[in-house]
Amino acid sequence: MNKKSILDFILKKEKENKIIFCMLDGLVEQDIDDFIKQPAEGILFDLNRDKITCISWLRYNDCNPIWVNNYAVALTIERLKQKIKKLEEIENGIGITIKEWNDMRNENIELKEKLAKYEVNNGICTEKSKMPFLWECDREKI
């Protein structure tokens, strides 16, 4: 393929939500949404832009500016993936499922209902309209 046909192919595939990158055995086509699901290290490795590769090219190729920028891209992608992970954790209830969140909320409601049956007077816990318990309650736990 010549430069023009490669460029046309890449632009055509972009419209199909595909990413094209070069590996040792030729061009590879992958859905961009699937591609970005992998960790930053995998993305950068597949694109031959991992930090080790960039540093190696900088050391052995007289600091070609493209590898300086490639290293910056690697750092940027890593940071963006970290931020995405944090946002996903927040979106997902800090790593818990919606069912777990609802169960915890329901348990708290049940606990509040149970506690509403009791009152604390002078450190003595009593069930409302009943005789005091023989034990003292820790006010901060109620």
Protein backbone atom coordinates (compact mmCIF):
# COMPACT_ATOMS: atom_id res chain seq x y z
CA MET A 1 0.00 0.00 0.00
CA ASN A 2 1.24 3.48 -0.76
CA LYS A 3 0.93 6.46 1.61
CA LYS A 4 -2.27 7.75 0.01
CA SER A 5 -4.05 4.39 0.15
CA ILE A 6 -3.00 3.87 3.79
CA LEU A 7 -4.27 7.34 4.67
CA ASP A 8 -7.57 6.72 2.85
CA PHE A 9 -7.92 3.33 4.57
CA ILE A 10 -7.29 4.83 8.05
CA LEU A 11 -9.80 7.66 7.46
CA LYS A 12 -12.41 5.24 6.11
CA LYS A 13 -12.04 2.96 9.13
CA GLU A 14 -12.27 5.93 11.50
CA LYS A 15 -15.81 6.53 10.19
CA GLU A 16 -16.58 2.91 11.11
CA ASN A 17 -15.33 3.51 14.68
CA LYS A 18 -12.17 1.49 14.01
CA ILE A 19 -8.57 2.18 14.92
CA ILE A 20 -5.77 1.09 12.60
CA PHE A 21 -2.27 0.54 13.93
CA CYS A 22 0.85 -1.14 12.70
CA MET A 23 2.27 -4.30 14.23
CA LEU A 24 5.19 -6.44 13.10
CA ASP A 25 2.95 -8.48 10.80
CA GLY A 26 1.18 -5.46 9.23
CA LEU A 27 -1.81 -3.25 9.85
CA VAL A 28 -4.28 -4.21 12.56
CA GLU A 29 -7.91 -3.08 12.70
CA GLN A 30 -9.81 -2.93 15.98
CA ASP A 31 -12.98 -1.32 17.27
CA ILE A 32 -11.87 1.83 19.12
CA ASP A 33 -14.31 1.31 22.02
CA ASP A 34 -12.98 -2.21 22.60
CA PHE A 35 -9.39 -1.03 22.21
CA ILE A 36 -9.65 1.61 24.93
CA LYS A 37 -11.13 -0.86 27.44
CA GLN A 38 -7.71 -2.34 28.02
CA PRO A 39 -5.33 -0.89 30.62
CA ALA A 40 -3.08 2.03 29.63
CA GLU A 41 -0.07 -0.29 29.43
CA GLY A 42 -1.82 -2.46 26.82
CA ILE A 43 -2.92 0.51 24.74
CA LEU A 44 0.57 2.00 24.76
CA PHE A 45 2.21 -1.36 24.02
CA ASP A 46 -0.09 -2.05 21.07
CA LEU A 47 0.66 1.40 19.68
CA ASN A 48 4.39 0.94 20.33
CA ARG A 49 4.31 4.03 22.54
CA ASP A 50 4.92 2.55 25.97
CA LYS A 51 7.36 4.52 28.11
CA ILE A 52 10.20 2.00 27.79
CA THR A 53 10.04 2.10 24.00
CA CYS A 54 9.96 5.91 24.00
CA ILE A 55 12.93 6.19 26.36
CA SER A 56 14.88 3.62 24.31
CA TRP A 57 14.28 5.60 21.11
CA LEU A 58 15.28 8.81 22.86
CA ARG A 59 18.54 7.27 24.10
CA TYR A 60 19.55 5.73 20.80
CA ASN A 61 18.22 8.23 18.26
CA ASP A 62 19.65 11.57 19.36
CA CYS A 63 16.48 12.71 21.14
CA ASN A 64 14.25 12.84 18.09
CA PRO A 65 11.41 15.21 19.11
CA ILE A 66 8.75 12.74 18.00
CA TRP A 67 9.77 10.38 20.81
CA VAL A 68 9.67 13.24 23.33
CA ASN A 69 6.06 13.80 22.27
CA ASN A 70 5.35 10.05 22.26
CA TYR A 71 6.56 9.87 25.86
CA ALA A 72 4.26 12.78 26.73
CA VAL A 73 1.40 10.91 25.05
CA ALA A 74 2.19 7.83 27.16
CA LEU A 75 2.06 9.84 30.38
CA THR A 76 -1.15 11.55 29.27
CA ILE A 77 -2.90 8.27 28.41
CA GLU A 78 -1.85 6.75 31.73
CA ARG A 79 -3.20 9.73 33.66
CA LEU A 80 -6.46 9.78 31.68
CA LYS A 81 -7.00 6.07 32.36
CA GLN A 82 -6.46 6.72 36.11
CA LYS A 83 -9.06 9.51 36.03
CA ILE A 84 -11.51 7.34 34.07
CA LYS A 85 -11.11 4.58 36.67
CA LYS A 86 -11.90 7.01 39.49
CA LEU A 87 -14.95 8.35 37.65
CA GLU A 88 -16.19 4.82 36.98
CA GLU A 89 -15.81 3.98 40.67
CA ILE A 90 -17.85 7.03 41.59
CA GLU A 91 -20.43 6.25 38.92
CA ASN A 92 -20.68 2.69 40.22
CA GLY A 93 -21.11 3.71 43.87
CA ILE A 94 -17.44 3.48 44.86
CA GLY A 95 -17.07 -0.07 43.74
CA ILE A 96 -20.37 -1.45 45.03
CA THR A 97 -23.37 -2.54 43.04
CA ILE A 98 -26.68 -0.69 43.07
CA LYS A 99 -28.21 -3.71 44.85
CA GLU A 100 -25.54 -3.53 47.59
CA TRP A 101 -26.15 0.21 47.92
CA ASN A 102 -29.93 -0.31 48.25
CA ASP A 103 -29.42 -3.16 50.75
CA MET A 104 -27.20 -0.92 52.90
CA ARG A 105 -29.74 1.91 52.66
CA ASN A 106 -32.57 -0.45 53.66
CA GLU A 107 -30.52 -1.79 56.60
CA ASN A 108 -29.99 1.77 57.80
CA ILE A 109 -33.73 2.48 57.55
CA GLU A 110 -34.49 -0.67 59.56
CA LEU A 111 -31.90 0.30 62.16
CA LYS A 112 -33.37 3.80 62.47
CA GLU A 113 -36.84 2.29 62.91
CA LYS A 114 -35.55 0.00 65.67
CA LEU A 115 -33.72 2.83 67.39
CA ALA A 116 -36.81 5.02 67.20
CA LYS A 117 -38.44 2.64 69.69
CA TYR A 118 -35.88 3.59 72.35
CA GLU A 119 -34.90 6.73 74.19
CA VAL A 120 -31.93 7.61 76.34
CA ASN A 121 -32.41 9.52 79.57
CA ASN A 122 -29.47 10.17 81.87
CA GLY A 123 -27.46 7.46 80.14
CA ILE A 124 -30.16 4.83 80.65
CA CYS A 125 -31.67 3.28 77.54
CA THR A 126 -35.38 2.58 77.74
CA GLU A 127 -37.95 1.35 75.32
CA LYS A 128 -40.48 4.13 74.91
CA SER A 129 -43.37 3.77 77.37
CA LYS A 130 -41.70 0.83 79.15
CA MET A 131 -39.50 0.35 82.17
CA PRO A 132 -35.77 1.25 81.88
CA PHE A 133 -33.27 -1.41 80.94
CA LEU A 134 -30.85 -2.44 83.62
CA TRP A 135 -27.87 -1.52 81.45
CA GLU A 136 -26.60 1.85 80.45
CA CYS A 137 -26.28 2.81 76.81
CA ASP A 138 -23.37 4.59 75.27
CA ARG A 139 -25.00 7.73 73.87
CA GLU A 140 -22.56 7.96 70.97
CA LYS A 141 -23.48 4.52 69.70
CA ILE A 142 -27.15 5.43 69.48
